[in-house]
Amino acid sequence: MINTILGLWLMISPGIFQYSSAAADNGHIAGPIIVTFSIVAIWEATRVVRKWNFPVGIWLLAAPWILGYENTLAIVSDMSVGVLVLIFASIPGKIEKSYGGGWSSLWQKNPEHIQKSKQN
């Protein structure tokens, strides 16, 4: 949930601080990606999608130098968000139920997730 807020921050901060076009474009691209992955990861069955924010977080740490940001606020904002996204994407969250068993369960006689659902 916090990564959703961080992604929204990336989208609105260029308008607030008047970043250069490279920093603004980066925020307008990376922000919605972070928001999308973090919203999908809210549901227990798709919690693993939170890890898809790792490459985006790493990109935010490198982007100021690769894209040549001119605004110090943009550098600080992107790097701070990058670190926070990496931290919050690494927190697994609570999983209460078992969903499916992956492709291998299709060929098993008594898949583990079927046995668990019969017990509950």
C-alpha atoms as a PDB file:
ATOM      1  CA  MET A   1       0.000   0.000   0.000  1.00  0.00           C
ATOM      2  CA  ILE A   2       2.853   2.388   0.787  1.00  0.00           C
ATOM      3  CA  ASN A   3       4.380   1.706  -2.631  1.00  0.00           C
ATOM      4  CA  THR A   4       1.094   2.885  -4.162  1.00  0.00           C
ATOM      5  CA  ILE A   5       1.551   6.237  -2.413  1.00  0.00           C
ATOM      6  CA  LEU A   6       5.205   6.376  -3.508  1.00  0.00           C
ATOM      7  CA  GLY A   7       4.196   5.756  -7.115  1.00  0.00           C
ATOM      8  CA  LEU A   8       1.592   8.503  -6.899  1.00  0.00           C
ATOM      9  CA  TRP A   9       4.260  10.813  -5.480  1.00  0.00           C
ATOM     10  CA  LEU A  10       6.468  10.134  -8.515  1.00  0.00           C
ATOM     11  CA  MET A  11       3.587  11.161 -10.767  1.00  0.00           C
ATOM     12  CA  ILE A  12       2.714  14.432  -9.000  1.00  0.00           C
ATOM     13  CA  SER A  13       6.144  15.626  -7.813  1.00  0.00           C
ATOM     14  CA  PRO A  14       7.277  16.913 -11.256  1.00  0.00           C
ATOM     15  CA  GLY A  15       4.292  19.255 -11.300  1.00  0.00           C
ATOM     16  CA  ILE A  16       4.937  20.441  -7.750  1.00  0.00           C
ATOM     17  CA  PHE A  17       8.689  21.036  -8.095  1.00  0.00           C
ATOM     18  CA  GLN A  18       8.854  21.835 -11.847  1.00  0.00           C
ATOM     19  CA  TYR A  19      11.392  19.142 -12.778  1.00  0.00           C
ATOM     20  CA  SER A  20      13.165  19.034 -16.109  1.00  0.00           C
ATOM     21  CA  SER A  21      11.537  17.009 -18.852  1.00  0.00           C
ATOM     22  CA  ALA A  22      13.751  13.921 -18.330  1.00  0.00           C
ATOM     23  CA  ALA A  23      12.967  13.696 -14.610  1.00  0.00           C
ATOM     24  CA  ALA A  24       9.282  14.440 -15.193  1.00  0.00           C
ATOM     25  CA  ASP A  25       8.988  11.843 -17.940  1.00  0.00           C
ATOM     26  CA  ASN A  26      10.706   9.276 -15.740  1.00  0.00           C
ATOM     27  CA  GLY A  27       8.269   9.968 -12.898  1.00  0.00           C
ATOM     28  CA  HIS A  28       5.314   9.755 -15.247  1.00  0.00           C
ATOM     29  CA  ILE A  29       6.480   6.344 -16.482  1.00  0.00           C
ATOM     30  CA  ALA A  30       7.870   4.739 -13.302  1.00  0.00           C
ATOM     31  CA  GLY A  31       5.069   6.017 -11.047  1.00  0.00           C
ATOM     32  CA  PRO A  32       2.180   4.215 -12.773  1.00  0.00           C
ATOM     33  CA  ILE A  33       4.243   1.015 -12.996  1.00  0.00           C
ATOM     34  CA  ILE A  34       4.871   1.063  -9.239  1.00  0.00           C
ATOM     35  CA  VAL A  35       1.207   1.851  -8.529  1.00  0.00           C
ATOM     36  CA  THR A  36       0.006  -0.975 -10.782  1.00  0.00           C
ATOM     37  CA  PHE A  37       2.287  -3.624  -9.299  1.00  0.00           C
ATOM     38  CA  SER A  38       1.571  -2.550  -5.719  1.00  0.00           C
ATOM     39  CA  ILE A  39      -2.202  -2.544  -6.224  1.00  0.00           C
ATOM     40  CA  VAL A  40      -2.115  -5.998  -7.824  1.00  0.00           C
ATOM     41  CA  ALA A  41       0.049  -7.232  -4.910  1.00  0.00           C
ATOM     42  CA  ILE A  42      -2.536  -6.169  -2.328  1.00  0.00           C
ATOM     43  CA  TRP A  43      -4.526  -9.339  -3.028  1.00  0.00           C
ATOM     44  CA  GLU A  44      -3.139 -12.351  -1.188  1.00  0.00           C
ATOM     45  CA  ALA A  45      -3.035 -14.651  -4.233  1.00  0.00           C
ATOM     46  CA  THR A  46      -0.932 -12.183  -6.243  1.00  0.00           C
ATOM     47  CA  ARG A  47       1.282 -10.956  -3.403  1.00  0.00           C
ATOM     48  CA  VAL A  48       4.403 -12.067  -5.297  1.00  0.00           C
ATOM     49  CA  VAL A  49       3.827  -9.271  -7.834  1.00  0.00           C
ATOM     50  CA  ARG A  50       5.306  -6.878  -5.254  1.00  0.00           C
ATOM     51  CA  LYS A  51       8.735  -8.165  -6.326  1.00  0.00           C
ATOM     52  CA  TRP A  52       8.163  -6.806  -9.835  1.00  0.00           C
ATOM     53  CA  ASN A  53       8.850  -3.372  -8.344  1.00  0.00           C
ATOM     54  CA  PHE A  54      12.516  -4.323  -7.707  1.00  0.00           C
ATOM     55  CA  PRO A  55      13.716  -3.400 -11.219  1.00  0.00           C
ATOM     56  CA  VAL A  56      11.784  -0.127 -11.056  1.00  0.00           C
ATOM     57  CA  GLY A  57      13.324   0.712  -7.670  1.00  0.00           C
ATOM     58  CA  ILE A  58      16.806  -0.047  -8.988  1.00  0.00           C
ATOM     59  CA  TRP A  59      16.095   2.065 -12.077  1.00  0.00           C
ATOM     60  CA  LEU A  60      15.088   4.998  -9.853  1.00  0.00           C
ATOM     61  CA  LEU A  61      18.455   4.796  -8.107  1.00  0.00           C
ATOM     62  CA  ALA A  62      20.335   4.919 -11.418  1.00  0.00           C
ATOM     63  CA  ALA A  63      18.055   7.192 -13.479  1.00  0.00           C
ATOM     64  CA  PRO A  64      19.368  10.551 -12.228  1.00  0.00           C
ATOM     65  CA  TRP A  65      22.827   9.785 -13.632  1.00  0.00           C
ATOM     66  CA  ILE A  66      21.746   7.914 -16.733  1.00  0.00           C
ATOM     67  CA  LEU A  67      19.210  10.577 -17.729  1.00  0.00           C
ATOM     68  CA  GLY A  68      21.290  13.519 -16.457  1.00  0.00           C
ATOM     69  CA  TYR A  69      18.886  15.173 -14.028  1.00  0.00           C
ATOM     70  CA  GLU A  70      19.572  18.860 -13.458  1.00  0.00           C
ATOM     71  CA  ASN A  71      17.281  19.369 -10.458  1.00  0.00           C
ATOM     72  CA  THR A  72      18.596  18.310  -7.037  1.00  0.00           C
ATOM     73  CA  LEU A  73      15.054  17.794  -5.731  1.00  0.00           C
ATOM     74  CA  ALA A  74      14.385  15.364  -8.567  1.00  0.00           C
ATOM     75  CA  ILE A  75      17.536  13.400  -7.731  1.00  0.00           C
ATOM     76  CA  VAL A  76      16.677  13.225  -4.025  1.00  0.00           C
ATOM     77  CA  SER A  77      13.046  12.350  -4.722  1.00  0.00           C
ATOM     78  CA  ASP A  78      13.772   9.563  -7.220  1.00  0.00           C
ATOM     79  CA  MET A  79      16.550   8.044  -5.126  1.00  0.00           C
ATOM     80  CA  SER A  80      14.487   8.199  -1.924  1.00  0.00           C
ATOM     81  CA  VAL A  81      11.488   6.631  -3.627  1.00  0.00           C
ATOM     82  CA  GLY A  82      13.764   3.988  -5.183  1.00  0.00           C
ATOM     83  CA  VAL A  83      15.152   2.953  -1.793  1.00  0.00           C
ATOM     84  CA  LEU A  84      11.713   2.941  -0.166  1.00  0.00           C
ATOM     85  CA  VAL A  85      10.172   0.944  -3.020  1.00  0.00           C
ATOM     86  CA  LEU A  86      12.919  -1.673  -2.660  1.00  0.00           C
ATOM     87  CA  ILE A  87      12.375  -1.860   1.102  1.00  0.00           C
ATOM     88  CA  PHE A  88       8.580  -2.117   0.963  1.00  0.00           C
ATOM     89  CA  ALA A  89       8.590  -4.508  -2.009  1.00  0.00           C
ATOM     90  CA  SER A  90      10.779  -6.891  -0.016  1.00  0.00           C
ATOM     91  CA  ILE A  91       8.243  -7.194   2.826  1.00  0.00           C
ATOM     92  CA  PRO A  92       6.270 -10.383   2.091  1.00  0.00           C
ATOM     93  CA  GLY A  93       3.016  -9.573   3.879  1.00  0.00           C
ATOM     94  CA  LYS A  94       0.730 -11.981   5.672  1.00  0.00           C
ATOM     95  CA  ILE A  95      -0.585 -14.949   3.690  1.00  0.00           C
ATOM     96  CA  GLU A  96      -3.456 -16.780   5.351  1.00  0.00           C
ATOM     97  CA  LYS A  97      -4.589 -19.157   2.608  1.00  0.00           C
ATOM     98  CA  SER A  98      -2.928 -21.358  -0.003  1.00  0.00           C
ATOM     99  CA  TYR A  99      -3.958 -20.762  -3.603  1.00  0.00           C
ATOM    100  CA  GLY A 100      -3.326 -23.290  -6.316  1.00  0.00           C
ATOM    101  CA  GLY A 101      -0.231 -25.385  -6.647  1.00  0.00           C
ATOM    102  CA  GLY A 102       1.268 -24.130  -9.855  1.00  0.00           C
ATOM    103  CA  TRP A 103       1.521 -26.027 -13.097  1.00  0.00           C
ATOM    104  CA  SER A 104       3.030 -29.083 -11.451  1.00  0.00           C
ATOM    105  CA  SER A 105      -0.185 -29.669  -9.472  1.00  0.00           C
ATOM    106  CA  LEU A 106      -1.964 -30.526 -12.721  1.00  0.00           C
ATOM    107  CA  TRP A 107      -0.026 -33.800 -12.905  1.00  0.00           C
ATOM    108  CA  GLN A 108      -0.186 -34.757  -9.216  1.00  0.00           C
ATOM    109  CA  LYS A 109      -2.712 -37.240  -7.897  1.00  0.00           C
ATOM    110  CA  ASN A 110      -3.434 -35.356  -4.637  1.00  0.00           C
ATOM    111  CA  PRO A 111      -2.084 -31.816  -4.896  1.00  0.00           C
ATOM    112  CA  GLU A 112      -1.189 -30.178  -1.596  1.00  0.00           C
ATOM    113  CA  HIS A 113      -3.578 -27.237  -2.058  1.00  0.00           C
ATOM    114  CA  ILE A 114      -6.530 -29.643  -2.548  1.00  0.00           C
ATOM    115  CA  GLN A 115      -5.661 -31.476   0.657  1.00  0.00           C
ATOM    116  CA  LYS A 116      -5.444 -28.199   2.596  1.00  0.00           C
ATOM    117  CA  SER A 117      -8.831 -27.025   1.306  1.00  0.00           C
ATOM    118  CA  LYS A 118     -10.462 -30.311   2.387  1.00  0.00           C
ATOM    119  CA  GLN A 119      -9.054 -29.855   5.913  1.00  0.00           C
ATOM    120  CA  ASN A 120     -10.544 -26.370   6.262  1.00  0.00           C
END
